[in-house]
Amino acid sequence: MGPPKMAKRYGAITTILQQALASPEGRRRLTDAEALMIEHCERNRFNTERAIQVYAVAIDNIVGAWMKHSQFKRTFYREYRQSGLKGRYAKKLVAEFKTGKGRFTPIKDDRPPRRLFRFFLGP
């Protein structure tokens, strides 16, 4: 499915996801995830795959908290999970973190990817 079709199909989900990430709770959870990544950098244990997982979990928690009191939360969450936007946003946030301004930039992986779990986690 190309970008125009995807934007058309997942436009509402993208809008709600952007609102959830921009909310105070969303910014707090993203800041917590970034603090964890900074901690990994300080200990020379930064790994891009792990960073993507951390941001993906943070995004899931943000969306869950945002839709907590909505009457359409089951329908929306099902569509959100099927859209795959979580992974795209997580990769975008990791790329921003790796190229951001700070004492650790530019950031490179300190740990090699875990090849044992690649079968389970995907590429």
PDB file of N, CA and C in Angstrom:
ATOM      1  N   MET A   1       0.851  -1.165   0.000  1.00  0.00           N
ATOM      2  CA  MET A   1       0.000   0.000   0.000  1.00  0.00           C
ATOM      3  C   MET A   1       0.900   1.232   0.000  1.00  0.00           C
ATOM      4  N   GLY A   2       0.725   2.105  -0.956  1.00  0.00           N
ATOM      5  CA  GLY A   2       1.568   3.276  -1.111  1.00  0.00           C
ATOM      6  C   GLY A   2       1.235   4.361  -0.118  1.00  0.00           C
ATOM      7  N   PRO A   3       2.065   5.388  -0.031  1.00  0.00           N
ATOM      8  CA  PRO A   3       1.846   6.472   0.922  1.00  0.00           C
ATOM      9  C   PRO A   3       0.525   7.207   0.763  1.00  0.00           C
ATOM     10  N   PRO A   4       0.047   7.550  -0.470  1.00  0.00           N
ATOM     11  CA  PRO A   4      -1.240   8.251  -0.541  1.00  0.00           C
ATOM     12  C   PRO A   4      -2.397   7.421   0.001  1.00  0.00           C
ATOM     13  N   LYS A   5      -2.430   6.131  -0.339  1.00  0.00           N
ATOM     14  CA  LYS A   5      -3.507   5.287   0.162  1.00  0.00           C
ATOM     15  C   LYS A   5      -3.412   5.138   1.669  1.00  0.00           C
ATOM     16  N   MET A   6      -2.193   4.996   2.173  1.00  0.00           N
ATOM     17  CA  MET A   6      -2.014   4.821   3.597  1.00  0.00           C
ATOM     18  C   MET A   6      -2.420   6.091   4.333  1.00  0.00           C
ATOM     19  N   ALA A   7      -2.039   7.246   3.803  1.00  0.00           N
ATOM     20  CA  ALA A   7      -2.403   8.507   4.438  1.00  0.00           C
ATOM     21  C   ALA A   7      -3.917   8.677   4.443  1.00  0.00           C
ATOM     22  N   LYS A   8      -4.554   8.236   3.369  1.00  0.00           N
ATOM     23  CA  LYS A   8      -5.998   8.347   3.281  1.00  0.00           C
ATOM     24  C   LYS A   8      -6.676   7.401   4.274  1.00  0.00           C
ATOM     25  N   ARG A   9      -6.158   6.179   4.345  1.00  0.00           N
ATOM     26  CA  ARG A   9      -6.785   5.185   5.211  1.00  0.00           C
ATOM     27  C   ARG A   9      -6.516   5.451   6.686  1.00  0.00           C
ATOM     28  N   TYR A  10      -5.296   5.848   7.016  1.00  0.00           N
ATOM     29  CA  TYR A  10      -4.910   6.013   8.417  1.00  0.00           C
ATOM     30  C   TYR A  10      -4.829   7.472   8.828  1.00  0.00           C
ATOM     31  N   GLY A  11      -5.505   8.359   8.126  1.00  0.00           N
ATOM     32  CA  GLY A  11      -5.461   9.784   8.448  1.00  0.00           C
ATOM     33  C   GLY A  11      -5.972  10.087   9.839  1.00  0.00           C
ATOM     34  N   ALA A  12      -7.095   9.499  10.217  1.00  0.00           N
ATOM     35  CA  ALA A  12      -7.663   9.745  11.544  1.00  0.00           C
ATOM     36  C   ALA A  12      -6.752   9.177  12.632  1.00  0.00           C
ATOM     37  N   ILE A  13      -6.198   8.014  12.378  1.00  0.00           N
ATOM     38  CA  ILE A  13      -5.306   7.398  13.362  1.00  0.00           C
ATOM     39  C   ILE A  13      -4.050   8.240  13.524  1.00  0.00           C
ATOM     40  N   THR A  14      -3.510   8.739  12.416  1.00  0.00           N
ATOM     41  CA  THR A  14      -2.326   9.583  12.471  1.00  0.00           C
ATOM     42  C   THR A  14      -2.609  10.857  13.250  1.00  0.00           C
ATOM     43  N   THR A  15      -3.760  11.451  13.020  1.00  0.00           N
ATOM     44  CA  THR A  15      -4.121  12.678  13.727  1.00  0.00           C
ATOM     45  C   THR A  15      -4.237  12.437  15.224  1.00  0.00           C
ATOM     46  N   ILE A  16      -4.921  11.377  15.604  1.00  0.00           N
ATOM     47  CA  ILE A  16      -5.076  11.070  17.027  1.00  0.00           C
ATOM     48  C   ILE A  16      -3.727  10.724  17.649  1.00  0.00           C
ATOM     49  N   LEU A  17      -2.895  10.005  16.919  1.00  0.00           N
ATOM     50  CA  LEU A  17      -1.569   9.657  17.429  1.00  0.00           C
ATOM     51  C   LEU A  17      -0.728  10.912  17.647  1.00  0.00           C
ATOM     52  N   GLN A  18      -0.776  11.849  16.723  1.00  0.00           N
ATOM     53  CA  GLN A  18      -0.024  13.097  16.876  1.00  0.00           C
ATOM     54  C   GLN A  18      -0.546  13.903  18.058  1.00  0.00           C
ATOM     55  N   GLN A  19      -1.862  13.935  18.253  1.00  0.00           N
ATOM     56  CA  GLN A  19      -2.431  14.635  19.400  1.00  0.00           C
ATOM     57  C   GLN A  19      -2.020  13.976  20.708  1.00  0.00           C
ATOM     58  N   ALA A  20      -2.016  12.653  20.716  1.00  0.00           N
ATOM     59  CA  ALA A  20      -1.623  11.928  21.926  1.00  0.00           C
ATOM     60  C   ALA A  20      -0.150  12.176  22.259  1.00  0.00           C
ATOM     61  N   LEU A  21       0.704  12.189  21.248  1.00  0.00           N
ATOM     62  CA  LEU A  21       2.129  12.442  21.487  1.00  0.00           C
ATOM     63  C   LEU A  21       2.379  13.876  21.937  1.00  0.00           C
ATOM     64  N   ALA A  22       1.546  14.812  21.492  1.00  0.00           N
ATOM     65  CA  ALA A  22       1.719  16.216  21.853  1.00  0.00           C
ATOM     66  C   ALA A  22       1.086  16.570  23.197  1.00  0.00           C
ATOM     67  N   SER A  23       0.310  15.671  23.754  1.00  0.00           N
ATOM     68  CA  SER A  23      -0.337  15.938  25.043  1.00  0.00           C
ATOM     69  C   SER A  23       0.705  15.966  26.156  1.00  0.00           C
ATOM     70  N   PRO A  24       0.382  16.571  27.296  1.00  0.00           N
ATOM     71  CA  PRO A  24       1.341  16.607  28.414  1.00  0.00           C
ATOM     72  C   PRO A  24       1.779  15.205  28.873  1.00  0.00           C
ATOM     73  N   GLU A  25       0.831  14.285  28.951  1.00  0.00           N
ATOM     74  CA  GLU A  25       1.168  12.910  29.345  1.00  0.00           C
ATOM     75  C   GLU A  25       2.060  12.257  28.306  1.00  0.00           C
ATOM     76  N   GLY A  26       1.780  12.518  27.038  1.00  0.00           N
ATOM     77  CA  GLY A  26       2.600  11.960  25.961  1.00  0.00           C
ATOM     78  C   GLY A  26       4.018  12.501  26.001  1.00  0.00           C
ATOM     79  N   ARG A  27       4.150  13.805  26.191  1.00  0.00           N
ATOM     80  CA  ARG A  27       5.495  14.400  26.280  1.00  0.00           C
ATOM     81  C   ARG A  27       6.252  13.859  27.488  1.00  0.00           C
ATOM     82  N   ARG A  28       5.538  13.638  28.605  1.00  0.00           N
ATOM     83  CA  ARG A  28       6.200  13.098  29.798  1.00  0.00           C
ATOM     84  C   ARG A  28       6.721  11.684  29.552  1.00  0.00           C
ATOM     85  N   ARG A  29       5.896  10.867  28.919  1.00  0.00           N
ATOM     86  CA  ARG A  29       6.327   9.485  28.656  1.00  0.00           C
ATOM     87  C   ARG A  29       7.466   9.435  27.643  1.00  0.00           C
ATOM     88  N   LEU A  30       7.442  10.313  26.644  1.00  0.00           N
ATOM     89  CA  LEU A  30       8.552  10.367  25.687  1.00  0.00           C
ATOM     90  C   LEU A  30       9.819  10.868  26.361  1.00  0.00           C
ATOM     91  N   THR A  31       9.686  11.789  27.304  1.00  0.00           N
ATOM     92  CA  THR A  31      10.844  12.271  28.058  1.00  0.00           C
ATOM     93  C   THR A  31      11.423  11.154  28.913  1.00  0.00           C
ATOM     94  N   ASP A  32      10.552  10.338  29.512  1.00  0.00           N
ATOM     95  CA  ASP A  32      11.026   9.191  30.292  1.00  0.00           C
ATOM     96  C   ASP A  32      11.783   8.200  29.413  1.00  0.00           C
ATOM     97  N   ALA A  33      11.264   7.953  28.211  1.00  0.00           N
ATOM     98  CA  ALA A  33      11.944   7.042  27.286  1.00  0.00           C
ATOM     99  C   ALA A  33      13.290   7.623  26.865  1.00  0.00           C
ATOM    100  N   GLU A  34      13.324   8.926  26.626  1.00  0.00           N
ATOM    101  CA  GLU A  34      14.584   9.565  26.248  1.00  0.00           C
ATOM    102  C   GLU A  34      15.590   9.508  27.395  1.00  0.00           C
ATOM    103  N   ALA A  35      15.116   9.659  28.629  1.00  0.00           N
ATOM    104  CA  ALA A  35      16.007   9.561  29.785  1.00  0.00           C
ATOM    105  C   ALA A  35      16.617   8.161  29.877  1.00  0.00           C
ATOM    106  N   LEU A  36      15.828   7.149  29.569  1.00  0.00           N
ATOM    107  CA  LEU A  36      16.345   5.784  29.562  1.00  0.00           C
ATOM    108  C   LEU A  36      17.413   5.615  28.486  1.00  0.00           C
ATOM    109  N   MET A  37      17.170   6.200  27.318  1.00  0.00           N
ATOM    110  CA  MET A  37      18.170   6.115  26.236  1.00  0.00           C
ATOM    111  C   MET A  37      19.451   6.865  26.606  1.00  0.00           C
ATOM    112  N   ILE A  38      19.330   7.986  27.287  1.00  0.00           N
ATOM    113  CA  ILE A  38      20.517   8.724  27.745  1.00  0.00           C
ATOM    114  C   ILE A  38      21.291   7.893  28.758  1.00  0.00           C
ATOM    115  N   GLU A  39      20.564   7.203  29.627  1.00  0.00           N
ATOM    116  CA  GLU A  39      21.211   6.316  30.596  1.00  0.00           C
ATOM    117  C   GLU A  39      21.985   5.212  29.888  1.00  0.00           C
ATOM    118  N   HIS A  40      21.413   4.663  28.838  1.00  0.00           N
ATOM    119  CA  HIS A  40      22.102   3.626  28.059  1.00  0.00           C
ATOM    120  C   HIS A  40      23.353   4.207  27.402  1.00  0.00           C
ATOM    121  N   CYS A  41      23.264   5.429  26.911  1.00  0.00           N
ATOM    122  CA  CYS A  41      24.435   6.069  26.288  1.00  0.00           C
ATOM    123  C   CYS A  41      25.536   6.300  27.316  1.00  0.00           C
ATOM    124  N   GLU A  42      25.168   6.701  28.511  1.00  0.00           N
ATOM    125  CA  GLU A  42      26.157   6.940  29.561  1.00  0.00           C
ATOM    126  C   GLU A  42      26.888   5.660  29.943  1.00  0.00           C
ATOM    127  N   ARG A  43      26.195   4.532  29.873  1.00  0.00           N
ATOM    128  CA  ARG A  43      26.818   3.254  30.216  1.00  0.00           C
ATOM    129  C   ARG A  43      27.409   2.542  29.001  1.00  0.00           C
ATOM    130  N   ASN A  44      27.425   3.250  27.846  1.00  0.00           N
ATOM    131  CA  ASN A  44      27.949   2.680  26.595  1.00  0.00           C
ATOM    132  C   ASN A  44      27.234   1.383  26.222  1.00  0.00           C
ATOM    133  N   ARG A  45      25.923   1.399  26.334  1.00  0.00           N
ATOM    134  CA  ARG A  45      25.123   0.223  26.010  1.00  0.00           C
ATOM    135  C   ARG A  45      23.982   0.568  25.060  1.00  0.00           C
ATOM    136  N   PHE A  46      24.129   1.630  24.274  1.00  0.00           N
ATOM    137  CA  PHE A  46      23.061   2.042  23.369  1.00  0.00           C
ATOM    138  C   PHE A  46      22.931   1.049  22.222  1.00  0.00           C
ATOM    139  N   ASN A  47      21.700   0.693  21.901  1.00  0.00           N
ATOM    140  CA  ASN A  47      21.399  -0.212  20.804  1.00  0.00           C
ATOM    141  C   ASN A  47      20.151   0.320  20.097  1.00  0.00           C
ATOM    142  N   THR A  48      20.225   0.511  18.793  1.00  0.00           N
ATOM    143  CA  THR A  48      19.115   1.088  18.045  1.00  0.00           C
ATOM    144  C   THR A  48      17.863   0.224  18.135  1.00  0.00           C
ATOM    145  N   GLU A  49      18.012  -1.079  18.029  1.00  0.00           N
ATOM    146  CA  GLU A  49      16.844  -1.964  18.094  1.00  0.00           C
ATOM    147  C   GLU A  49      16.145  -1.848  19.448  1.00  0.00           C
ATOM    148  N   ARG A  50      16.917  -1.783  20.507  1.00  0.00           N
ATOM    149  CA  ARG A  50      16.340  -1.641  21.845  1.00  0.00           C
ATOM    150  C   ARG A  50      15.670  -0.276  21.984  1.00  0.00           C
ATOM    151  N   ALA A  51      16.274   0.755  21.413  1.00  0.00           N
ATOM    152  CA  ALA A  51      15.684   2.091  21.474  1.00  0.00           C
ATOM    153  C   ALA A  51      14.338   2.128  20.754  1.00  0.00           C
ATOM    154  N   ILE A  52      14.251   1.437  19.629  1.00  0.00           N
ATOM    155  CA  ILE A  52      12.982   1.367  18.899  1.00  0.00           C
ATOM    156  C   ILE A  52      11.934   0.663  19.750  1.00  0.00           C
ATOM    157  N   GLN A  53      12.317  -0.395  20.432  1.00  0.00           N
ATOM    158  CA  GLN A  53      11.379  -1.102  21.305  1.00  0.00           C
ATOM    159  C   GLN A  53      10.911  -0.209  22.449  1.00  0.00           C
ATOM    160  N   VAL A  54      11.835   0.533  23.048  1.00  0.00           N
ATOM    161  CA  VAL A  54      11.476   1.407  24.170  1.00  0.00           C
ATOM    162  C   VAL A  54      10.489   2.475  23.712  1.00  0.00           C
ATOM    163  N   TYR A  55      10.765   3.103  22.586  1.00  0.00           N
ATOM    164  CA  TYR A  55       9.851   4.121  22.079  1.00  0.00           C
ATOM    165  C   TYR A  55       8.515   3.512  21.656  1.00  0.00           C
ATOM    166  N   ALA A  56       8.520   2.304  21.108  1.00  0.00           N
ATOM    167  CA  ALA A  56       7.272   1.651  20.705  1.00  0.00           C
ATOM    168  C   ALA A  56       6.388   1.376  21.921  1.00  0.00           C
ATOM    169  N   VAL A  57       6.984   0.932  23.009  1.00  0.00           N
ATOM    170  CA  VAL A  57       6.219   0.694  24.235  1.00  0.00           C
ATOM    171  C   VAL A  57       5.682   2.017  24.778  1.00  0.00           C
ATOM    172  N   ALA A  58       6.501   3.060  24.735  1.00  0.00           N
ATOM    173  CA  ALA A  58       6.050   4.368  25.200  1.00  0.00           C
ATOM    174  C   ALA A  58       4.866   4.860  24.357  1.00  0.00           C
ATOM    175  N   ILE A  59       4.943   4.678  23.048  1.00  0.00           N
ATOM    176  CA  ILE A  59       3.848   5.100  22.164  1.00  0.00           C
ATOM    177  C   ILE A  59       2.589   4.291  22.463  1.00  0.00           C
ATOM    178  N   ASP A  60       2.720   2.994  22.681  1.00  0.00           N
ATOM    179  CA  ASP A  60       1.560   2.172  23.055  1.00  0.00           C
ATOM    180  C   ASP A  60       0.916   2.690  24.343  1.00  0.00           C
ATOM    181  N   ASN A  61       1.734   2.989  25.327  1.00  0.00           N
ATOM    182  CA  ASN A  61       1.208   3.493  26.596  1.00  0.00           C
ATOM    183  C   ASN A  61       0.539   4.853  26.430  1.00  0.00           C
ATOM    184  N   ILE A  62       1.112   5.702  25.588  1.00  0.00           N
ATOM    185  CA  ILE A  62       0.541   7.024  25.341  1.00  0.00           C
ATOM    186  C   ILE A  62      -0.830   6.886  24.675  1.00  0.00           C
ATOM    187  N   VAL A  63      -0.917   6.049  23.663  1.00  0.00           N
ATOM    188  CA  VAL A  63      -2.188   5.855  22.959  1.00  0.00           C
ATOM    189  C   VAL A  63      -3.217   5.226  23.894  1.00  0.00           C
ATOM    190  N   GLY A  64      -2.798   4.275  24.700  1.00  0.00           N
ATOM    191  CA  GLY A  64      -3.724   3.660  25.658  1.00  0.00           C
ATOM    192  C   GLY A  64      -4.264   4.667  26.654  1.00  0.00           C
ATOM    193  N   ALA A  65      -3.394   5.535  27.156  1.00  0.00           N
ATOM    194  CA  ALA A  65      -3.836   6.561  28.103  1.00  0.00           C
ATOM    195  C   ALA A  65      -4.723   7.600  27.424  1.00  0.00           C
ATOM    196  N   TRP A  66      -4.410   7.931  26.177  1.00  0.00           N
ATOM    197  CA  TRP A  66      -5.188   8.931  25.437  1.00  0.00           C
ATOM    198  C   TRP A  66      -6.601   8.425  25.154  1.00  0.00           C
ATOM    199  N   MET A  67      -6.729   7.159  24.815  1.00  0.00           N
ATOM    200  CA  MET A  67      -8.028   6.596  24.439  1.00  0.00           C
ATOM    201  C   MET A  67      -8.761   5.945  25.618  1.00  0.00           C
ATOM    202  N   LYS A  68      -8.252   6.110  26.808  1.00  0.00           N
ATOM    203  CA  LYS A  68      -8.777   5.426  27.978  1.00  0.00           C
ATOM    204  C   LYS A  68     -10.282   5.635  28.196  1.00  0.00           C
ATOM    205  N   HIS A  69     -10.744   6.849  28.004  1.00  0.00           N
ATOM    206  CA  HIS A  69     -12.150   7.154  28.304  1.00  0.00           C
ATOM    207  C   HIS A  69     -13.008   7.313  27.053  1.00  0.00           C
ATOM    208  N   SER A  70     -12.487   6.928  25.911  1.00  0.00           N
ATOM    209  CA  SER A  70     -13.252   7.044  24.673  1.00  0.00           C
ATOM    210  C   SER A  70     -14.188   5.852  24.511  1.00  0.00           C
ATOM    211  N   GLN A  71     -15.336   6.096  23.927  1.00  0.00           N
ATOM    212  CA  GLN A  71     -16.273   4.995  23.710  1.00  0.00           C
ATOM    213  C   GLN A  71     -15.872   4.145  22.509  1.00  0.00           C
ATOM    214  N   PHE A  72     -14.956   4.647  21.671  1.00  0.00           N
ATOM    215  CA  PHE A  72     -14.506   3.911  20.493  1.00  0.00           C
ATOM    216  C   PHE A  72     -13.111   3.329  20.677  1.00  0.00           C
ATOM    217  N   LYS A  73     -12.679   3.157  21.911  1.00  0.00           N
ATOM    218  CA  LYS A  73     -11.294   2.759  22.146  1.00  0.00           C
ATOM    219  C   LYS A  73     -10.952   1.389  21.568  1.00  0.00           C
ATOM    220  N   ARG A  74     -11.843   0.437  21.603  1.00  0.00           N
ATOM    221  CA  ARG A  74     -11.535  -0.894  21.061  1.00  0.00           C
ATOM    222  C   ARG A  74     -11.383  -0.848  19.550  1.00  0.00           C
ATOM    223  N   THR A  75     -12.275  -0.161  18.890  1.00  0.00           N
ATOM    224  CA  THR A  75     -12.205  -0.049  17.434  1.00  0.00           C
ATOM    225  C   THR A  75     -10.952   0.702  17.019  1.00  0.00           C
ATOM    226  N   PHE A  76     -10.706   1.822  17.679  1.00  0.00           N
ATOM    227  CA  PHE A  76      -9.538   2.618  17.339  1.00  0.00           C
ATOM    228  C   PHE A  76      -8.253   1.840  17.602  1.00  0.00           C
ATOM    229  N   TYR A  77      -8.163   1.190  18.762  1.00  0.00           N
ATOM    230  CA  TYR A  77      -6.929   0.486  19.112  1.00  0.00           C
ATOM    231  C   TYR A  77      -6.670  -0.667  18.146  1.00  0.00           C
ATOM    232  N   ARG A  78      -7.717  -1.336  17.698  1.00  0.00           N
ATOM    233  CA  ARG A  78      -7.558  -2.408  16.717  1.00  0.00           C
ATOM    234  C   ARG A  78      -7.001  -1.851  15.407  1.00  0.00           C
ATOM    235  N   GLU A  79      -7.563  -0.745  14.951  1.00  0.00           N
ATOM    236  CA  GLU A  79      -7.072  -0.113  13.724  1.00  0.00           C
ATOM    237  C   GLU A  79      -5.643   0.402  13.904  1.00  0.00           C
ATOM    238  N   TYR A  80      -5.364   0.943  15.063  1.00  0.00           N
ATOM    239  CA  TYR A  80      -4.019   1.453  15.367  1.00  0.00           C
ATOM    240  C   TYR A  80      -2.989   0.324  15.315  1.00  0.00           C
ATOM    241  N   ARG A  81      -3.302  -0.816  15.888  1.00  0.00           N
ATOM    242  CA  ARG A  81      -2.377  -1.948  15.884  1.00  0.00           C
ATOM    243  C   ARG A  81      -2.153  -2.481  14.468  1.00  0.00           C
ATOM    244  N   GLN A  82      -3.199  -2.502  13.655  1.00  0.00           N
ATOM    245  CA  GLN A  82      -3.093  -3.001  12.298  1.00  0.00           C
ATOM    246  C   GLN A  82      -2.352  -2.034  11.383  1.00  0.00           C
ATOM    247  N   SER A  83      -2.360  -0.756  11.715  1.00  0.00           N
ATOM    248  CA  SER A  83      -1.766   0.251  10.835  1.00  0.00           C
ATOM    249  C   SER A  83      -0.241   0.169  10.784  1.00  0.00           C
ATOM    250  N   GLY A  84       0.389  -0.252  11.858  1.00  0.00           N
ATOM    251  CA  GLY A  84       1.844  -0.304  11.894  1.00  0.00           C
ATOM    252  C   GLY A  84       2.488   1.054  12.096  1.00  0.00           C
ATOM    253  N   LEU A  85       1.715   2.047  12.481  1.00  0.00           N
ATOM    254  CA  LEU A  85       2.249   3.392  12.676  1.00  0.00           C
ATOM    255  C   LEU A  85       3.163   3.477  13.897  1.00  0.00           C
ATOM    256  N   LYS A  86       2.958   2.590  14.844  1.00  0.00           N
ATOM    257  CA  LYS A  86       3.778   2.595  16.051  1.00  0.00           C
ATOM    258  C   LYS A  86       5.252   2.424  15.693  1.00  0.00           C
ATOM    259  N   GLY A  87       5.553   1.466  14.845  1.00  0.00           N
ATOM    260  CA  GLY A  87       6.935   1.217  14.452  1.00  0.00           C
ATOM    261  C   GLY A  87       7.526   2.375  13.668  1.00  0.00           C
ATOM    262  N   ARG A  88       6.727   2.979  12.795  1.00  0.00           N
ATOM    263  CA  ARG A  88       7.222   4.108  12.010  1.00  0.00           C
ATOM    264  C   ARG A  88       7.547   5.298  12.897  1.00  0.00           C
ATOM    265  N   TYR A  89       6.646   5.596  13.837  1.00  0.00           N
ATOM    266  CA  TYR A  89       6.894   6.708  14.737  1.00  0.00           C
ATOM    267  C   TYR A  89       8.076   6.412  15.657  1.00  0.00           C
ATOM    268  N   ALA A  90       8.206   5.173  16.116  1.00  0.00           N
ATOM    269  CA  ALA A  90       9.325   4.806  16.981  1.00  0.00           C
ATOM    270  C   ALA A  90      10.651   4.969  16.238  1.00  0.00           C
ATOM    271  N   LYS A  91      10.713   4.523  14.979  1.00  0.00           N
ATOM    272  CA  LYS A  91      11.945   4.681  14.192  1.00  0.00           C
ATOM    273  C   LYS A  91      12.259   6.151  13.962  1.00  0.00           C
ATOM    274  N   LYS A  92      11.221   6.947  13.739  1.00  0.00           N
ATOM    275  CA  LYS A  92      11.422   8.387  13.539  1.00  0.00           C
ATOM    276  C   LYS A  92      11.969   9.038  14.811  1.00  0.00           C
ATOM    277  N   LEU A  93      11.422   8.654  15.964  1.00  0.00           N
ATOM    278  CA  LEU A  93      11.883   9.224  17.232  1.00  0.00           C
ATOM    279  C   LEU A  93      13.327   8.804  17.539  1.00  0.00           C
ATOM    280  N   VAL A  94      13.688   7.572  17.220  1.00  0.00           N
ATOM    281  CA  VAL A  94      15.061   7.111  17.435  1.00  0.00           C
ATOM    282  C   VAL A  94      16.020   7.869  16.520  1.00  0.00           C
ATOM    283  N   ALA A  95      15.614   8.082  15.274  1.00  0.00           N
ATOM    284  CA  ALA A  95      16.458   8.840  14.347  1.00  0.00           C
ATOM    285  C   ALA A  95      16.665  10.268  14.851  1.00  0.00           C
ATOM    286  N   GLU A  96      15.601  10.882  15.381  1.00  0.00           N
ATOM    287  CA  GLU A  96      15.726  12.226  15.951  1.00  0.00           C
ATOM    288  C   GLU A  96      16.645  12.217  17.167  1.00  0.00           C
ATOM    289  N   PHE A  97      16.532  11.173  17.988  1.00  0.00           N
ATOM    290  CA  PHE A  97      17.383  11.076  19.183  1.00  0.00           C
ATOM    291  C   PHE A  97      18.852  10.914  18.791  1.00  0.00           C
ATOM    292  N   LYS A  98      19.103  10.087  17.785  1.00  0.00           N
ATOM    293  CA  LYS A  98      20.488   9.827  17.384  1.00  0.00           C
ATOM    294  C   LYS A  98      21.142  11.040  16.730  1.00  0.00           C
ATOM    295  N   THR A  99      20.373  11.895  16.090  1.00  0.00           N
ATOM    296  CA  THR A  99      20.937  13.071  15.430  1.00  0.00           C
ATOM    297  C   THR A  99      20.671  14.352  16.197  1.00  0.00           C
ATOM    298  N   GLY A 100      20.058  14.249  17.367  1.00  0.00           N
ATOM    299  CA  GLY A 100      19.701  15.429  18.143  1.00  0.00           C
ATOM    300  C   GLY A 100      20.916  16.130  18.716  1.00  0.00           C
ATOM    301  N   LYS A 101      20.645  17.254  19.356  1.00  0.00           N
ATOM    302  CA  LYS A 101      21.715  18.041  19.955  1.00  0.00           C
ATOM    303  C   LYS A 101      21.937  17.560  21.382  1.00  0.00           C
ATOM    304  N   GLY A 102      23.149  17.271  21.715  1.00  0.00           N
ATOM    305  CA  GLY A 102      23.472  16.806  23.050  1.00  0.00           C
ATOM    306  C   GLY A 102      24.905  16.343  23.120  1.00  0.00           C
ATOM    307  N   ARG A 103      25.289  15.911  24.281  1.00  0.00           N
ATOM    308  CA  ARG A 103      26.694  15.515  24.463  1.00  0.00           C
ATOM    309  C   ARG A 103      27.012  14.166  23.853  1.00  0.00           C
ATOM    310  N   PHE A 104      26.012  13.394  23.454  1.00  0.00           N
ATOM    311  CA  PHE A 104      26.263  12.058  22.910  1.00  0.00           C
ATOM    312  C   PHE A 104      26.196  11.994  21.389  1.00  0.00           C
ATOM    313  N   THR A 105      25.873  13.081  20.733  1.00  0.00           N
ATOM    314  CA  THR A 105      25.712  13.031  19.283  1.00  0.00           C
ATOM    315  C   THR A 105      27.040  13.103  18.582  1.00  0.00           C
ATOM    316  N   PRO A 106      27.236  12.493  17.479  1.00  0.00           N
ATOM    317  CA  PRO A 106      26.345  11.498  16.878  1.00  0.00           C
ATOM    318  C   PRO A 106      26.430  10.175  17.630  1.00  0.00           C
ATOM    319  N   ILE A 107      25.317   9.519  17.746  1.00  0.00           N
ATOM    320  CA  ILE A 107      25.228   8.282  18.514  1.00  0.00           C
ATOM    321  C   ILE A 107      25.365   7.099  17.572  1.00  0.00           C
ATOM    322  N   LYS A 108      26.199   6.172  17.969  1.00  0.00           N
ATOM    323  CA  LYS A 108      26.360   4.911  17.239  1.00  0.00           C
ATOM    324  C   LYS A 108      26.062   3.774  18.195  1.00  0.00           C
ATOM    325  N   ASP A 109      25.712   2.630  17.622  1.00  0.00           N
ATOM    326  CA  ASP A 109      25.413   1.464  18.457  1.00  0.00           C
ATOM    327  C   ASP A 109      26.656   1.008  19.195  1.00  0.00           C
ATOM    328  N   ASP A 110      26.508   0.853  20.512  1.00  0.00           N
ATOM    329  CA  ASP A 110      27.597   0.342  21.327  1.00  0.00           C
ATOM    330  C   ASP A 110      27.555  -1.171  21.434  1.00  0.00           C
ATOM    331  N   ARG A 111      26.382  -1.716  21.277  1.00  0.00           N
ATOM    332  CA  ARG A 111      26.227  -3.161  21.379  1.00  0.00           C
ATOM    333  C   ARG A 111      25.784  -3.695  20.028  1.00  0.00           C
ATOM    334  N   PRO A 112      26.319  -4.814  19.619  1.00  0.00           N
ATOM    335  CA  PRO A 112      25.861  -5.396  18.351  1.00  0.00           C
ATOM    336  C   PRO A 112      24.431  -5.911  18.499  1.00  0.00           C
ATOM    337  N   PRO A 113      23.684  -5.966  17.397  1.00  0.00           N
ATOM    338  CA  PRO A 113      22.317  -6.488  17.486  1.00  0.00           C
ATOM    339  C   PRO A 113      22.311  -7.950  17.899  1.00  0.00           C
ATOM    340  N   ARG A 114      21.271  -8.327  18.576  1.00  0.00           N
ATOM    341  CA  ARG A 114      21.147  -9.707  19.032  1.00  0.00           C
ATOM    342  C   ARG A 114      20.648 -10.567  17.885  1.00  0.00           C
ATOM    343  N   ARG A 115      21.503 -11.379  17.386  1.00  0.00           N
ATOM    344  CA  ARG A 115      21.153 -12.204  16.244  1.00  0.00           C
ATOM    345  C   ARG A 115      20.275 -13.390  16.645  1.00  0.00           C
ATOM    346  N   LEU A 116      20.379 -13.807  17.890  1.00  0.00           N
ATOM    347  CA  LEU A 116      19.592 -14.933  18.366  1.00  0.00           C
ATOM    348  C   LEU A 116      18.095 -14.612  18.304  1.00  0.00           C
ATOM    349  N   PHE A 117      17.713 -13.392  18.669  1.00  0.00           N
ATOM    350  CA  PHE A 117      16.314 -13.021  18.733  1.00  0.00           C
ATOM    351  C   PHE A 117      15.802 -12.398  17.440  1.00  0.00           C
ATOM    352  N   ARG A 118      16.641 -12.273  16.435  1.00  0.00           N
ATOM    353  CA  ARG A 118      16.225 -11.653  15.178  1.00  0.00           C
ATOM    354  C   ARG A 118      15.049 -12.415  14.560  1.00  0.00           C
ATOM    355  N   PHE A 119      15.032 -13.739  14.718  1.00  0.00           N
ATOM    356  CA  PHE A 119      13.929 -14.533  14.187  1.00  0.00           C
ATOM    357  C   PHE A 119      12.610 -14.122  14.816  1.00  0.00           C
ATOM    358  N   PHE A 120      12.621 -13.846  16.135  1.00  0.00           N
ATOM    359  CA  PHE A 120      11.403 -13.479  16.845  1.00  0.00           C
ATOM    360  C   PHE A 120      11.037 -12.029  16.649  1.00  0.00           C
ATOM    361  N   LEU A 121      12.034 -11.147  16.638  1.00  0.00           N
ATOM    362  CA  LEU A 121      11.778  -9.712  16.585  1.00  0.00           C
ATOM    363  C   LEU A 121      11.611  -9.177  15.180  1.00  0.00           C
ATOM    364  N   GLY A 122      12.107  -9.871  14.203  1.00  0.00           N
ATOM    365  CA  GLY A 122      12.043  -9.402  12.824  1.00  0.00           C
ATOM    366  C   GLY A 122      13.269  -8.577  12.477  1.00  0.00           C
ATOM    367  N   PRO A 123      13.382  -8.135  11.225  1.00  0.00           N
ATOM    368  CA  PRO A 123      14.581  -7.397  10.803  1.00  0.00           C
ATOM    369  C   PRO A 123      14.692  -6.028  11.424  1.00  0.00           C
TER     370      PRO A 123
END
